[in-house]
Structures are given as C-alpha cells and as structure tokens.
Amino acid sequence: MVTPVLPHQNNVQQIGYKLLSMLNFKGKRGEEVARTLISACLWNDSVESKSRAYGVSPQTVRNYVEEQGVEVIEKLLEQVR
C-alpha cells in the first residue's frame, strides 16, 4: 500500500496562516469560523470535529457561511487575482 506524502506540518501552518489573513468573516465569532474552515480543509477533516477545537458550534459555522460565505469568497478570489 502506498501512502501519500503529507506536507510538512510547518508548511501546512504557514498556508493556514496565509489563508486566515485572507478570509474575513464579520462578527464576534468570525475568526473562529475561519480557523475552523481552514483547519478542516487542510487536514481533510469534518467541520464538526474541528469546530470543537476552536470553541465554536458547527451550527455557528454553517450560519456564518450561509450569511457571509459568498461575499467572503468573492473577496478572497479578488485578492488572489
């Protein structure tokens, strides 16, 4: 069985910090929501399990994404361009 090579943890952390600086969810829990989403994506984990690590409920993450997700992603894409 071939195991895929995982990126070095320092590289993943650097990517996470860069993405965190680019995501801008408004509100009291915005930073925790962004950290939860980035962490879940980078480590291929569920939002539910990562949300506990950042002290935010999965429902709060879903609410932020529903309310502000399109706006935040459009701004992120504009920054990348």
N, C-alpha and C. Protein backbone atom coordinates (compact mmCIF):
# COMPACT_ATOMS: atom_id res chain seq x y z
N MET A 1 0.84 -1.17 0.00
CA MET A 1 0.00 0.00 0.00
C MET A 1 0.89 1.25 0.00
N VAL A 2 0.58 2.16 -0.87
CA VAL A 2 1.35 3.40 -0.98
C VAL A 2 0.63 4.48 -0.19
N THR A 3 1.35 5.11 0.72
CA THR A 3 0.77 6.20 1.50
C THR A 3 1.17 7.52 0.87
N PRO A 4 0.21 8.40 0.64
CA PRO A 4 0.58 9.69 0.08
C PRO A 4 1.46 10.48 1.05
N VAL A 5 2.38 11.19 0.49
CA VAL A 5 3.27 12.00 1.31
C VAL A 5 2.51 13.23 1.77
N LEU A 6 2.46 13.40 3.06
CA LEU A 6 1.76 14.56 3.62
C LEU A 6 2.73 15.73 3.70
N PRO A 7 2.24 16.94 3.49
CA PRO A 7 3.13 18.10 3.60
C PRO A 7 3.62 18.25 5.04
N HIS A 8 4.78 18.83 5.17
CA HIS A 8 5.35 19.07 6.48
C HIS A 8 4.42 19.99 7.27
N GLN A 9 4.30 19.73 8.56
CA GLN A 9 3.35 20.49 9.38
C GLN A 9 3.64 21.99 9.36
N ASN A 10 4.91 22.39 9.32
CA ASN A 10 5.22 23.82 9.26
C ASN A 10 4.67 24.46 7.99
N ASN A 11 4.75 23.74 6.87
CA ASN A 11 4.21 24.26 5.62
C ASN A 11 2.70 24.40 5.70
N VAL A 12 2.04 23.43 6.29
CA VAL A 12 0.59 23.48 6.43
C VAL A 12 0.21 24.65 7.32
N GLN A 13 0.95 24.88 8.40
CA GLN A 13 0.66 26.01 9.28
C GLN A 13 0.85 27.33 8.55
N GLN A 14 1.89 27.45 7.76
CA GLN A 14 2.12 28.69 7.01
C GLN A 14 0.98 28.94 6.03
N ILE A 15 0.54 27.90 5.35
CA ILE A 15 -0.58 28.03 4.42
C ILE A 15 -1.83 28.44 5.19
N GLY A 16 -2.06 27.81 6.33
CA GLY A 16 -3.22 28.15 7.16
C GLY A 16 -3.22 29.59 7.60
N TYR A 17 -2.07 30.09 8.05
CA TYR A 17 -1.98 31.50 8.47
C TYR A 17 -2.23 32.45 7.30
N LYS A 18 -1.73 32.12 6.14
CA LYS A 18 -1.94 32.96 4.96
C LYS A 18 -3.42 32.99 4.59
N LEU A 19 -4.06 31.82 4.60
CA LEU A 19 -5.49 31.77 4.29
C LEU A 19 -6.30 32.52 5.35
N LEU A 20 -5.91 32.39 6.60
CA LEU A 20 -6.63 33.08 7.67
C LEU A 20 -6.56 34.59 7.49
N SER A 21 -5.41 35.08 7.04
CA SER A 21 -5.28 36.52 6.82
C SER A 21 -6.13 36.98 5.63
N MET A 22 -6.49 36.06 4.75
CA MET A 22 -7.27 36.42 3.57
C MET A 22 -8.77 36.29 3.80
N LEU A 23 -9.19 35.40 4.70
CA LEU A 23 -10.62 35.24 4.98
C LEU A 23 -11.05 36.27 6.01
N ASN A 24 -12.17 36.91 5.76
CA ASN A 24 -12.61 37.96 6.66
C ASN A 24 -14.11 37.82 6.94
N PHE A 25 -14.44 36.93 7.87
CA PHE A 25 -15.81 36.81 8.31
C PHE A 25 -16.06 37.88 9.35
N LYS A 26 -17.16 38.60 9.21
CA LYS A 26 -17.51 39.67 10.16
C LYS A 26 -18.24 39.06 11.35
N GLY A 27 -18.12 39.71 12.48
CA GLY A 27 -18.86 39.27 13.65
C GLY A 27 -17.96 38.78 14.76
N LYS A 28 -18.61 38.51 15.87
CA LYS A 28 -17.92 38.16 17.10
C LYS A 28 -17.13 36.84 16.97
N ARG A 29 -17.65 35.89 16.23
CA ARG A 29 -17.02 34.58 16.11
C ARG A 29 -16.36 34.37 14.75
N GLY A 30 -16.15 35.44 14.01
CA GLY A 30 -15.63 35.35 12.65
C GLY A 30 -14.29 34.65 12.53
N GLU A 31 -13.36 34.99 13.44
CA GLU A 31 -12.03 34.38 13.37
C GLU A 31 -12.09 32.88 13.67
N GLU A 32 -12.89 32.50 14.65
CA GLU A 32 -13.02 31.08 14.98
C GLU A 32 -13.64 30.30 13.82
N VAL A 33 -14.61 30.91 13.15
CA VAL A 33 -15.23 30.26 11.99
C VAL A 33 -14.20 30.07 10.88
N ALA A 34 -13.43 31.10 10.60
CA ALA A 34 -12.40 31.00 9.56
C ALA A 34 -11.37 29.93 9.93
N ARG A 35 -10.91 29.91 11.16
CA ARG A 35 -9.94 28.91 11.60
C ARG A 35 -10.51 27.50 11.46
N THR A 36 -11.78 27.34 11.81
CA THR A 36 -12.43 26.03 11.71
C THR A 36 -12.46 25.56 10.26
N LEU A 37 -12.89 26.42 9.36
CA LEU A 37 -12.98 26.05 7.95
C LEU A 37 -11.62 25.73 7.35
N ILE A 38 -10.63 26.56 7.64
CA ILE A 38 -9.29 26.34 7.10
C ILE A 38 -8.71 25.04 7.64
N SER A 39 -8.84 24.83 8.93
CA SER A 39 -8.31 23.62 9.55
C SER A 39 -8.98 22.37 8.99
N ALA A 40 -10.29 22.41 8.84
CA ALA A 40 -10.99 21.25 8.28
C ALA A 40 -10.54 20.95 6.86
N CYS A 41 -10.32 21.99 6.07
CA CYS A 41 -9.87 21.79 4.69
C CYS A 41 -8.44 21.27 4.62
N LEU A 42 -7.55 21.89 5.37
CA LEU A 42 -6.14 21.50 5.29
C LEU A 42 -5.89 20.09 5.82
N TRP A 43 -6.63 19.68 6.82
CA TRP A 43 -6.41 18.36 7.41
C TRP A 43 -7.44 17.34 6.95
N ASN A 44 -8.27 17.71 5.96
CA ASN A 44 -9.27 16.81 5.40
C ASN A 44 -10.12 16.18 6.51
N ASP A 45 -10.65 17.04 7.36
CA ASP A 45 -11.44 16.61 8.49
C ASP A 45 -12.81 17.27 8.41
N SER A 46 -13.70 16.89 9.30
CA SER A 46 -15.04 17.47 9.27
C SER A 46 -15.08 18.79 10.04
N VAL A 47 -15.98 19.63 9.64
CA VAL A 47 -16.19 20.92 10.32
C VAL A 47 -16.64 20.66 11.75
N GLU A 48 -17.45 19.63 11.94
CA GLU A 48 -17.96 19.32 13.27
C GLU A 48 -16.83 19.02 14.26
N SER A 49 -15.88 18.21 13.85
CA SER A 49 -14.80 17.87 14.78
C SER A 49 -13.83 19.03 14.98
N LYS A 50 -13.55 19.80 13.94
CA LYS A 50 -12.64 20.93 14.08
C LYS A 50 -13.27 22.09 14.84
N SER A 51 -14.58 22.24 14.75
CA SER A 51 -15.23 23.36 15.44
C SER A 51 -15.08 23.24 16.95
N ARG A 52 -15.07 22.03 17.46
CA ARG A 52 -14.90 21.84 18.90
C ARG A 52 -13.54 22.35 19.37
N ALA A 53 -12.53 22.16 18.53
CA ALA A 53 -11.18 22.60 18.88
C ALA A 53 -11.08 24.12 19.00
N TYR A 54 -11.93 24.84 18.28
CA TYR A 54 -11.89 26.29 18.31
C TYR A 54 -13.02 26.91 19.13
N GLY A 55 -13.76 26.08 19.83
CA GLY A 55 -14.78 26.59 20.74
C GLY A 55 -15.97 27.24 20.07
N VAL A 56 -16.33 26.74 18.91
CA VAL A 56 -17.48 27.28 18.18
C VAL A 56 -18.36 26.10 17.77
N SER A 57 -19.66 26.30 17.74
CA SER A 57 -20.54 25.19 17.38
C SER A 57 -20.59 25.02 15.86
N PRO A 58 -20.80 23.80 15.41
CA PRO A 58 -20.92 23.58 13.96
C PRO A 58 -22.05 24.40 13.34
N GLN A 59 -23.12 24.61 14.09
CA GLN A 59 -24.24 25.41 13.57
C GLN A 59 -23.81 26.86 13.36
N THR A 60 -22.97 27.40 14.23
CA THR A 60 -22.47 28.76 14.06
C THR A 60 -21.65 28.86 12.78
N VAL A 61 -20.82 27.86 12.52
CA VAL A 61 -20.02 27.85 11.29
C VAL A 61 -20.94 27.84 10.08
N ARG A 62 -21.95 26.99 10.11
CA ARG A 62 -22.89 26.92 8.98
C ARG A 62 -23.61 28.25 8.79
N ASN A 63 -24.02 28.88 9.89
CA ASN A 63 -24.72 30.17 9.80
C ASN A 63 -23.83 31.25 9.18
N TYR A 64 -22.57 31.32 9.59
CA TYR A 64 -21.65 32.31 9.03
C TYR A 64 -21.46 32.07 7.54
N VAL A 65 -21.31 30.81 7.15
CA VAL A 65 -21.09 30.51 5.73
C VAL A 65 -22.34 30.86 4.92
N GLU A 66 -23.51 30.55 5.44
CA GLU A 66 -24.75 30.89 4.73
C GLU A 66 -24.93 32.39 4.60
N GLU A 67 -24.65 33.13 5.66
CA GLU A 67 -24.89 34.57 5.66
C GLU A 67 -23.81 35.36 4.90
N GLN A 68 -22.54 34.99 5.08
CA GLN A 68 -21.46 35.80 4.56
C GLN A 68 -20.57 35.07 3.56
N GLY A 69 -20.81 33.79 3.36
CA GLY A 69 -19.91 32.96 2.57
C GLY A 69 -19.61 33.47 1.18
N VAL A 70 -20.64 33.84 0.43
CA VAL A 70 -20.44 34.28 -0.95
C VAL A 70 -19.60 35.56 -0.98
N GLU A 71 -19.93 36.49 -0.09
CA GLU A 71 -19.21 37.76 -0.04
C GLU A 71 -17.73 37.54 0.31
N VAL A 72 -17.48 36.69 1.29
CA VAL A 72 -16.10 36.42 1.72
C VAL A 72 -15.32 35.72 0.61
N ILE A 73 -15.93 34.78 -0.05
CA ILE A 73 -15.24 34.04 -1.12
C ILE A 73 -14.98 34.94 -2.32
N GLU A 74 -15.91 35.82 -2.65
CA GLU A 74 -15.67 36.76 -3.75
C GLU A 74 -14.49 37.67 -3.44
N LYS A 75 -14.39 38.17 -2.21
CA LYS A 75 -13.26 39.00 -1.82
C LYS A 75 -11.95 38.21 -1.86
N LEU A 76 -12.02 36.96 -1.42
CA LEU A 76 -10.83 36.10 -1.45
C LEU A 76 -10.36 35.88 -2.87
N LEU A 77 -11.27 35.60 -3.78
CA LEU A 77 -10.91 35.40 -5.18
C LEU A 77 -10.33 36.67 -5.79
N GLU A 78 -10.89 37.81 -5.43
CA GLU A 78 -10.37 39.08 -5.93
C GLU A 78 -8.93 39.31 -5.46
N GLN A 79 -8.64 38.98 -4.21
CA GLN A 79 -7.29 39.12 -3.69
C GLN A 79 -6.32 38.20 -4.42
N VAL A 80 -6.78 36.99 -4.73
CA VAL A 80 -5.92 36.03 -5.42
C VAL A 80 -5.62 36.50 -6.83
N ARG A 81 -6.61 37.09 -7.48
CA ARG A 81 -6.42 37.57 -8.85
C ARG A 81 -5.42 38.70 -8.84
